[in-house]
Amino acid sequence: MKNDQSFRDFVVDDLMASDQGVTSKYMFGGWGIFKNGNMFGLIADGLLHLKVDEKNQADFEEIGSKPFMYVAKDKEMKMSYWSVPEDLLEDRGAFEKLMDGAVAVAKRAKKK
């Protein structure tokens, strides 16, 4: 899927619609996705990525996700956001589990 407004609308306004407090902000050519002010996701390179730490990384590895990476000053940088496979966007139960975990990671990160 393209990194366009329609994908952002699908993710935030449809997929996450039942979750109160979810917002998005256009940033760096993509969107940051927040719940109650905590950034737990991002849309970049046409993919949805969710926040990961040591407590939920195995869930993402199990479904074949990869970390979001970018190049800065000729150096590859890896972020703590991992891709959500497109087929998982159609499985609300599995997606909500990943999303809840990512929201919890964002809350923990903010407390540090």
N, C-alpha and C. Protein backbone atom coordinates (compact mmCIF):
# COMPACT_ATOMS: atom_id res chain seq x y z
N MET A 1 0.85 -1.19 0.00
CA MET A 1 0.00 0.00 0.00
C MET A 1 0.88 1.23 0.00
N LYS A 2 0.41 2.26 -0.63
CA LYS A 2 1.19 3.48 -0.74
C LYS A 2 1.14 4.28 0.55
N ASN A 3 2.14 5.12 0.71
CA ASN A 3 2.23 6.00 1.85
C ASN A 3 1.39 7.24 1.56
N ASP A 4 0.08 7.04 1.45
CA ASP A 4 -0.78 8.15 1.07
C ASP A 4 -1.89 8.32 2.10
N GLN A 5 -2.67 9.34 1.89
CA GLN A 5 -3.74 9.67 2.82
C GLN A 5 -4.76 8.54 2.96
N SER A 6 -5.05 7.82 1.89
CA SER A 6 -6.06 6.76 1.97
C SER A 6 -5.61 5.62 2.88
N PHE A 7 -4.32 5.29 2.89
CA PHE A 7 -3.85 4.24 3.79
C PHE A 7 -3.90 4.73 5.23
N ARG A 8 -3.51 5.98 5.46
CA ARG A 8 -3.63 6.56 6.80
C ARG A 8 -5.07 6.54 7.27
N ASP A 9 -5.99 6.90 6.38
CA ASP A 9 -7.41 6.90 6.73
C ASP A 9 -7.89 5.49 7.09
N PHE A 10 -7.46 4.49 6.31
CA PHE A 10 -7.84 3.11 6.60
C PHE A 10 -7.33 2.69 7.97
N VAL A 11 -6.06 2.96 8.25
CA VAL A 11 -5.46 2.53 9.51
C VAL A 11 -6.12 3.23 10.70
N VAL A 12 -6.16 4.55 10.67
CA VAL A 12 -6.62 5.31 11.83
C VAL A 12 -8.15 5.36 11.92
N ASP A 13 -8.82 5.63 10.80
CA ASP A 13 -10.26 5.85 10.84
C ASP A 13 -11.09 4.58 10.73
N ASP A 14 -10.49 3.49 10.26
CA ASP A 14 -11.22 2.23 10.14
C ASP A 14 -10.65 1.19 11.09
N LEU A 15 -9.41 0.80 10.88
CA LEU A 15 -8.80 -0.27 11.66
C LEU A 15 -8.74 0.05 13.15
N MET A 16 -8.43 1.30 13.49
CA MET A 16 -8.28 1.69 14.90
C MET A 16 -9.46 2.51 15.41
N ALA A 17 -10.53 2.57 14.66
CA ALA A 17 -11.65 3.45 14.99
C ALA A 17 -12.29 3.15 16.34
N SER A 18 -12.33 1.89 16.73
CA SER A 18 -13.00 1.54 17.99
C SER A 18 -12.15 1.84 19.21
N ASP A 19 -10.91 2.22 19.01
CA ASP A 19 -10.00 2.51 20.12
C ASP A 19 -9.97 4.01 20.38
N GLN A 20 -10.54 4.44 21.46
CA GLN A 20 -10.60 5.86 21.80
C GLN A 20 -9.21 6.44 22.03
N GLY A 21 -9.01 7.68 21.61
CA GLY A 21 -7.77 8.39 21.87
C GLY A 21 -6.70 8.22 20.82
N VAL A 22 -7.00 7.53 19.70
CA VAL A 22 -6.00 7.33 18.65
C VAL A 22 -6.05 8.52 17.69
N THR A 23 -4.87 9.10 17.45
CA THR A 23 -4.74 10.23 16.52
C THR A 23 -3.50 9.99 15.65
N SER A 24 -3.36 10.80 14.63
CA SER A 24 -2.17 10.71 13.80
C SER A 24 -1.66 12.11 13.50
N LYS A 25 -0.38 12.17 13.17
CA LYS A 25 0.26 13.44 12.84
C LYS A 25 1.21 13.20 11.67
N TYR A 26 1.09 14.03 10.63
CA TYR A 26 1.98 13.92 9.48
C TYR A 26 3.38 14.36 9.91
N MET A 27 4.37 13.51 9.62
CA MET A 27 5.73 13.84 10.00
C MET A 27 6.72 13.05 9.15
N PHE A 28 7.75 13.72 8.68
CA PHE A 28 8.85 13.11 7.93
C PHE A 28 8.38 12.27 6.74
N GLY A 29 7.37 12.72 6.03
CA GLY A 29 6.88 12.01 4.86
C GLY A 29 5.98 10.83 5.18
N GLY A 30 5.63 10.64 6.42
CA GLY A 30 4.73 9.57 6.85
C GLY A 30 3.85 10.08 7.97
N TRP A 31 3.34 9.19 8.77
CA TRP A 31 2.47 9.59 9.88
C TRP A 31 2.92 8.90 11.16
N GLY A 32 2.93 9.67 12.24
CA GLY A 32 3.07 9.09 13.57
C GLY A 32 1.68 8.79 14.07
N ILE A 33 1.51 7.67 14.76
CA ILE A 33 0.20 7.29 15.30
C ILE A 33 0.33 7.26 16.82
N PHE A 34 -0.61 7.94 17.47
CA PHE A 34 -0.55 8.16 18.91
C PHE A 34 -1.82 7.68 19.58
N LYS A 35 -1.68 7.27 20.84
CA LYS A 35 -2.85 7.03 21.69
C LYS A 35 -2.61 7.81 22.96
N ASN A 36 -3.51 8.73 23.22
CA ASN A 36 -3.41 9.58 24.41
C ASN A 36 -2.03 10.22 24.53
N GLY A 37 -1.50 10.67 23.39
CA GLY A 37 -0.23 11.38 23.37
C GLY A 37 1.02 10.51 23.29
N ASN A 38 0.87 9.20 23.34
CA ASN A 38 2.02 8.29 23.26
C ASN A 38 2.12 7.72 21.85
N MET A 39 3.27 7.92 21.22
CA MET A 39 3.45 7.40 19.86
C MET A 39 3.72 5.91 19.91
N PHE A 40 2.81 5.13 19.32
CA PHE A 40 2.94 3.68 19.32
C PHE A 40 3.05 3.10 17.92
N GLY A 41 2.90 3.93 16.90
CA GLY A 41 2.97 3.41 15.55
C GLY A 41 3.41 4.48 14.58
N LEU A 42 3.77 4.02 13.39
CA LEU A 42 4.10 4.95 12.32
C LEU A 42 3.79 4.29 10.98
N ILE A 43 3.44 5.14 10.05
CA ILE A 43 3.24 4.70 8.68
C ILE A 43 4.38 5.31 7.88
N ALA A 44 5.18 4.43 7.27
CA ALA A 44 6.33 4.87 6.48
C ALA A 44 6.58 3.84 5.38
N ASP A 45 7.01 4.33 4.25
CA ASP A 45 7.31 3.44 3.12
C ASP A 45 6.13 2.55 2.77
N GLY A 46 4.92 3.05 2.96
CA GLY A 46 3.71 2.32 2.60
C GLY A 46 3.34 1.19 3.54
N LEU A 47 3.95 1.16 4.72
CA LEU A 47 3.68 0.10 5.69
C LEU A 47 3.34 0.68 7.05
N LEU A 48 2.54 -0.07 7.79
CA LEU A 48 2.27 0.27 9.18
C LEU A 48 3.31 -0.43 10.03
N HIS A 49 3.89 0.31 10.97
CA HIS A 49 4.87 -0.23 11.91
C HIS A 49 4.36 0.07 13.32
N LEU A 50 4.57 -0.88 14.24
CA LEU A 50 4.16 -0.69 15.63
C LEU A 50 5.37 -0.78 16.55
N LYS A 51 5.28 -0.11 17.69
CA LYS A 51 6.39 0.00 18.64
C LYS A 51 6.66 -1.35 19.32
N VAL A 52 7.95 -1.66 19.43
CA VAL A 52 8.39 -2.95 19.95
C VAL A 52 9.47 -2.75 21.00
N ASP A 53 9.45 -3.59 22.02
CA ASP A 53 10.55 -3.68 22.98
C ASP A 53 10.76 -5.16 23.30
N GLU A 54 11.56 -5.43 24.32
CA GLU A 54 11.88 -6.82 24.63
C GLU A 54 10.66 -7.64 25.05
N LYS A 55 9.59 -7.00 25.49
CA LYS A 55 8.41 -7.73 25.95
C LYS A 55 7.50 -8.20 24.82
N ASN A 56 7.52 -7.53 23.67
CA ASN A 56 6.63 -7.95 22.58
C ASN A 56 7.37 -8.25 21.27
N GLN A 57 8.68 -8.17 21.26
CA GLN A 57 9.43 -8.40 20.02
C GLN A 57 9.20 -9.80 19.47
N ALA A 58 9.10 -10.80 20.32
CA ALA A 58 8.89 -12.18 19.86
C ALA A 58 7.59 -12.31 19.08
N ASP A 59 6.56 -11.56 19.46
CA ASP A 59 5.28 -11.59 18.73
C ASP A 59 5.49 -11.13 17.29
N PHE A 60 6.32 -10.14 17.09
CA PHE A 60 6.57 -9.60 15.76
C PHE A 60 7.49 -10.53 14.96
N GLU A 61 8.48 -11.10 15.62
CA GLU A 61 9.36 -12.04 14.94
C GLU A 61 8.57 -13.25 14.45
N GLU A 62 7.64 -13.70 15.27
CA GLU A 62 6.81 -14.88 14.95
C GLU A 62 5.99 -14.70 13.67
N ILE A 63 5.59 -13.49 13.38
CA ILE A 63 4.76 -13.25 12.19
C ILE A 63 5.59 -12.75 11.00
N GLY A 64 6.91 -12.78 11.15
CA GLY A 64 7.79 -12.41 10.04
C GLY A 64 7.99 -10.93 9.84
N SER A 65 7.74 -10.13 10.87
CA SER A 65 7.93 -8.69 10.78
C SER A 65 9.41 -8.33 10.75
N LYS A 66 9.67 -7.14 10.28
CA LYS A 66 11.04 -6.61 10.23
C LYS A 66 11.05 -5.22 10.85
N PRO A 67 12.17 -4.83 11.45
CA PRO A 67 12.25 -3.49 12.03
C PRO A 67 12.30 -2.42 10.94
N PHE A 68 11.76 -1.26 11.27
CA PHE A 68 11.84 -0.11 10.38
C PHE A 68 13.27 0.41 10.40
N MET A 69 13.84 0.59 9.22
CA MET A 69 15.21 1.07 9.10
C MET A 69 15.26 2.22 8.11
N TYR A 70 16.22 3.10 8.32
CA TYR A 70 16.43 4.20 7.40
C TYR A 70 17.92 4.52 7.38
N VAL A 71 18.33 5.30 6.40
CA VAL A 71 19.74 5.66 6.26
C VAL A 71 19.90 7.13 6.62
N ALA A 72 20.84 7.41 7.51
CA ALA A 72 21.17 8.79 7.90
C ALA A 72 22.68 8.93 7.91
N LYS A 73 23.16 9.89 7.16
CA LYS A 73 24.61 10.13 7.07
C LYS A 73 25.35 8.84 6.72
N ASP A 74 24.84 8.16 5.70
CA ASP A 74 25.45 6.92 5.20
C ASP A 74 25.50 5.79 6.22
N LYS A 75 24.68 5.87 7.24
CA LYS A 75 24.63 4.82 8.25
C LYS A 75 23.20 4.31 8.37
N GLU A 76 23.05 2.99 8.38
CA GLU A 76 21.72 2.41 8.52
C GLU A 76 21.29 2.44 9.98
N MET A 77 20.10 2.98 10.21
CA MET A 77 19.57 3.14 11.56
C MET A 77 18.35 2.24 11.71
N LYS A 78 18.26 1.54 12.83
CA LYS A 78 17.12 0.68 13.11
C LYS A 78 16.32 1.29 14.25
N MET A 79 15.01 1.37 14.05
CA MET A 79 14.14 1.95 15.07
C MET A 79 13.38 0.84 15.79
N SER A 80 12.73 1.19 16.87
CA SER A 80 11.98 0.22 17.66
C SER A 80 10.53 0.09 17.17
N TYR A 81 10.36 0.18 15.86
CA TYR A 81 9.05 -0.01 15.24
C TYR A 81 9.20 -1.13 14.22
N TRP A 82 8.30 -2.10 14.28
CA TRP A 82 8.36 -3.25 13.38
C TRP A 82 7.12 -3.28 12.50
N SER A 83 7.29 -3.77 11.29
CA SER A 83 6.22 -3.80 10.30
C SER A 83 5.09 -4.74 10.70
N VAL A 84 3.89 -4.39 10.25
CA VAL A 84 2.72 -5.25 10.42
C VAL A 84 2.42 -5.82 9.04
N PRO A 85 2.51 -7.15 8.88
CA PRO A 85 2.21 -7.74 7.57
C PRO A 85 0.80 -7.37 7.11
N GLU A 86 0.68 -7.12 5.81
CA GLU A 86 -0.59 -6.66 5.26
C GLU A 86 -1.75 -7.61 5.56
N ASP A 87 -1.51 -8.92 5.52
CA ASP A 87 -2.60 -9.86 5.78
C ASP A 87 -3.10 -9.77 7.22
N LEU A 88 -2.26 -9.31 8.15
CA LEU A 88 -2.68 -9.18 9.54
C LEU A 88 -3.65 -8.00 9.72
N LEU A 89 -3.64 -7.07 8.78
CA LEU A 89 -4.57 -5.94 8.87
C LEU A 89 -6.01 -6.39 8.68
N GLU A 90 -6.19 -7.58 8.14
CA GLU A 90 -7.53 -8.13 7.92
C GLU A 90 -8.00 -8.99 9.10
N ASP A 91 -7.11 -9.29 10.03
CA ASP A 91 -7.45 -10.12 11.19
C ASP A 91 -7.53 -9.21 12.42
N ARG A 92 -8.73 -8.71 12.69
CA ARG A 92 -8.90 -7.71 13.76
C ARG A 92 -8.40 -8.19 15.12
N GLY A 93 -8.69 -9.43 15.47
CA GLY A 93 -8.26 -9.94 16.77
C GLY A 93 -6.75 -9.95 16.92
N ALA A 94 -6.06 -10.49 15.93
CA ALA A 94 -4.60 -10.55 15.97
C ALA A 94 -4.01 -9.15 15.92
N PHE A 95 -4.60 -8.28 15.08
CA PHE A 95 -4.09 -6.92 14.98
C PHE A 95 -4.26 -6.18 16.31
N GLU A 96 -5.42 -6.30 16.94
CA GLU A 96 -5.66 -5.60 18.20
C GLU A 96 -4.69 -6.04 19.28
N LYS A 97 -4.31 -7.33 19.28
CA LYS A 97 -3.33 -7.82 20.25
C LYS A 97 -1.98 -7.13 20.03
N LEU A 98 -1.55 -7.04 18.76
CA LEU A 98 -0.29 -6.36 18.47
C LEU A 98 -0.36 -4.88 18.84
N MET A 99 -1.49 -4.26 18.51
CA MET A 99 -1.65 -2.84 18.79
C MET A 99 -1.63 -2.57 20.30
N ASP A 100 -2.35 -3.39 21.07
CA ASP A 100 -2.36 -3.21 22.52
C ASP A 100 -0.96 -3.34 23.10
N GLY A 101 -0.20 -4.30 22.58
CA GLY A 101 1.19 -4.45 23.03
C GLY A 101 2.03 -3.24 22.70
N ALA A 102 1.84 -2.68 21.50
CA ALA A 102 2.60 -1.50 21.08
C ALA A 102 2.24 -0.28 21.93
N VAL A 103 0.97 -0.14 22.28
CA VAL A 103 0.55 0.97 23.14
C VAL A 103 1.21 0.83 24.51
N ALA A 104 1.27 -0.40 25.03
CA ALA A 104 1.91 -0.64 26.32
C ALA A 104 3.40 -0.30 26.26
N VAL A 105 4.07 -0.64 25.15
CA VAL A 105 5.49 -0.30 24.98
C VAL A 105 5.66 1.22 25.00
N ALA A 106 4.80 1.94 24.29
CA ALA A 106 4.89 3.39 24.24
C ALA A 106 4.73 4.01 25.62
N LYS A 107 3.82 3.46 26.41
CA LYS A 107 3.63 3.96 27.79
C LYS A 107 4.86 3.70 28.63
N ARG A 108 5.43 2.50 28.51
CA ARG A 108 6.64 2.17 29.28
C ARG A 108 7.80 3.09 28.88
N ALA A 109 7.94 3.32 27.59
CA ALA A 109 9.03 4.16 27.07
C ALA A 109 8.91 5.60 27.59
N LYS A 110 7.69 6.07 27.68
CA LYS A 110 7.47 7.45 28.14
C LYS A 110 7.84 7.60 29.62
N LYS A 111 7.65 6.54 30.40
CA LYS A 111 7.96 6.59 31.83
C LYS A 111 9.46 6.61 32.10
N LYS A 112 10.26 6.08 31.15
CA LYS A 112 11.72 5.99 31.37
C LYS A 112 12.37 7.33 31.40
